[in-house]
Amino acid sequence: MAQAGFTQESSEALKLAIQTQAVATDAIEERRNEYGIFYQVEGNIIGVNGVSLSVITVWLQRESNGKFQFVTLKPSKREIT
């Protein structure tokens, strides 16, 4: 994240970049369990310094109430265009 200029002080910018990536890219159902349905979204986020990072975000649609919850972000092993 530091490569894209994200720091603890720019956590809101990171949150916005993650949300933007999530709505701009199709989610793929990954698995289901007692907690709900896990989705994977692969795409780019743009950092505060303009650098683009290829990432994968994982989301959970909760079984209990149907709401989505961000689970994690990890670097993608491939370049996403």
Protein backbone atom coordinates (compact mmCIF):
# COMPACT_ATOMS: atom_id res chain seq x y z
CA MET A 1 0.00 0.00 0.00
CA ALA A 2 2.91 2.30 0.67
CA GLN A 3 3.85 2.11 -3.05
CA ALA A 4 0.56 3.88 -3.79
CA GLY A 5 1.11 6.46 -1.08
CA PHE A 6 -1.32 5.06 1.48
CA THR A 7 -0.43 5.65 5.12
CA GLN A 8 -2.29 5.51 8.43
CA GLU A 9 -3.11 9.16 7.90
CA SER A 10 -4.75 8.42 4.52
CA SER A 11 -6.92 5.52 5.69
CA GLU A 12 -10.10 7.21 4.40
CA ALA A 13 -8.53 7.48 0.92
CA LEU A 14 -7.73 3.75 1.04
CA LYS A 15 -11.30 2.97 2.10
CA LEU A 16 -12.64 5.01 -0.83
CA ALA A 17 -10.23 3.31 -3.27
CA ILE A 18 -11.37 -0.13 -2.08
CA GLN A 19 -15.04 0.81 -2.38
CA THR A 20 -14.47 2.23 -5.86
CA GLN A 21 -12.72 -0.96 -6.99
CA ALA A 22 -15.56 -3.07 -5.58
CA VAL A 23 -18.32 -1.28 -7.51
CA ALA A 24 -16.33 -0.95 -10.74
CA THR A 25 -15.49 -4.66 -11.07
CA ASP A 26 -17.64 -7.79 -11.15
CA ALA A 27 -17.49 -9.97 -8.06
CA ILE A 28 -16.93 -13.71 -8.38
CA GLU A 29 -18.48 -16.05 -5.85
CA GLU A 30 -15.66 -17.84 -4.10
CA ARG A 31 -17.32 -20.09 -1.50
CA ARG A 32 -20.19 -20.44 0.95
CA ASN A 33 -20.25 -21.45 4.57
CA GLU A 34 -22.37 -20.92 7.68
CA TYR A 35 -21.36 -17.23 7.77
CA GLY A 36 -22.54 -16.46 4.25
CA ILE A 37 -21.21 -16.09 0.72
CA PHE A 38 -17.63 -14.97 0.09
CA TYR A 39 -16.90 -12.97 -3.06
CA GLN A 40 -13.60 -12.07 -4.68
CA VAL A 41 -13.10 -8.84 -6.65
CA GLU A 42 -9.92 -8.49 -8.71
CA GLY A 43 -8.99 -5.08 -10.06
CA ASN A 44 -6.90 -1.96 -9.60
CA ILE A 45 -6.92 0.67 -6.92
CA ILE A 46 -5.42 4.09 -7.51
CA GLY A 47 -3.29 5.45 -4.70
CA VAL A 48 -3.13 8.96 -3.36
CA ASN A 49 0.04 9.45 -5.42
CA GLY A 50 -1.62 8.20 -8.64
CA VAL A 51 0.09 4.79 -8.66
CA SER A 52 -2.18 1.91 -9.70
CA LEU A 53 -1.98 -1.35 -7.75
CA SER A 54 -3.46 -4.69 -8.86
CA VAL A 55 -5.31 -6.14 -5.89
CA ILE A 56 -7.85 -8.73 -4.86
CA THR A 57 -10.48 -7.83 -2.30
CA VAL A 58 -12.60 -10.40 -0.48
CA TRP A 59 -16.12 -9.61 0.69
CA LEU A 60 -18.64 -11.54 2.78
CA GLN A 61 -22.38 -11.29 2.27
CA ARG A 62 -23.56 -12.24 5.74
CA GLU A 63 -26.04 -15.08 6.08
CA SER A 64 -27.65 -13.38 9.08
CA ASN A 65 -28.70 -10.10 7.45
CA GLY A 66 -27.57 -10.08 3.80
CA LYS A 67 -25.21 -7.13 4.35
CA PHE A 68 -21.74 -7.04 2.81
CA GLN A 69 -18.61 -6.88 4.92
CA PHE A 70 -15.07 -6.20 3.71
CA VAL A 71 -12.80 -9.10 4.72
CA THR A 72 -9.32 -8.49 3.30
CA LEU A 73 -7.19 -7.01 0.53
CA LYS A 74 -4.20 -8.78 -0.97
CA PRO A 75 -1.91 -8.04 -3.90
CA SER A 76 -2.79 -9.68 -7.19
CA LYS A 77 -0.08 -11.83 -8.75
CA ARG A 78 -0.93 -10.52 -12.21
CA GLU A 79 -1.21 -7.12 -13.85
CA ILE A 80 -4.83 -6.07 -14.31
CA THR A 81 -5.69 -3.72 -17.16
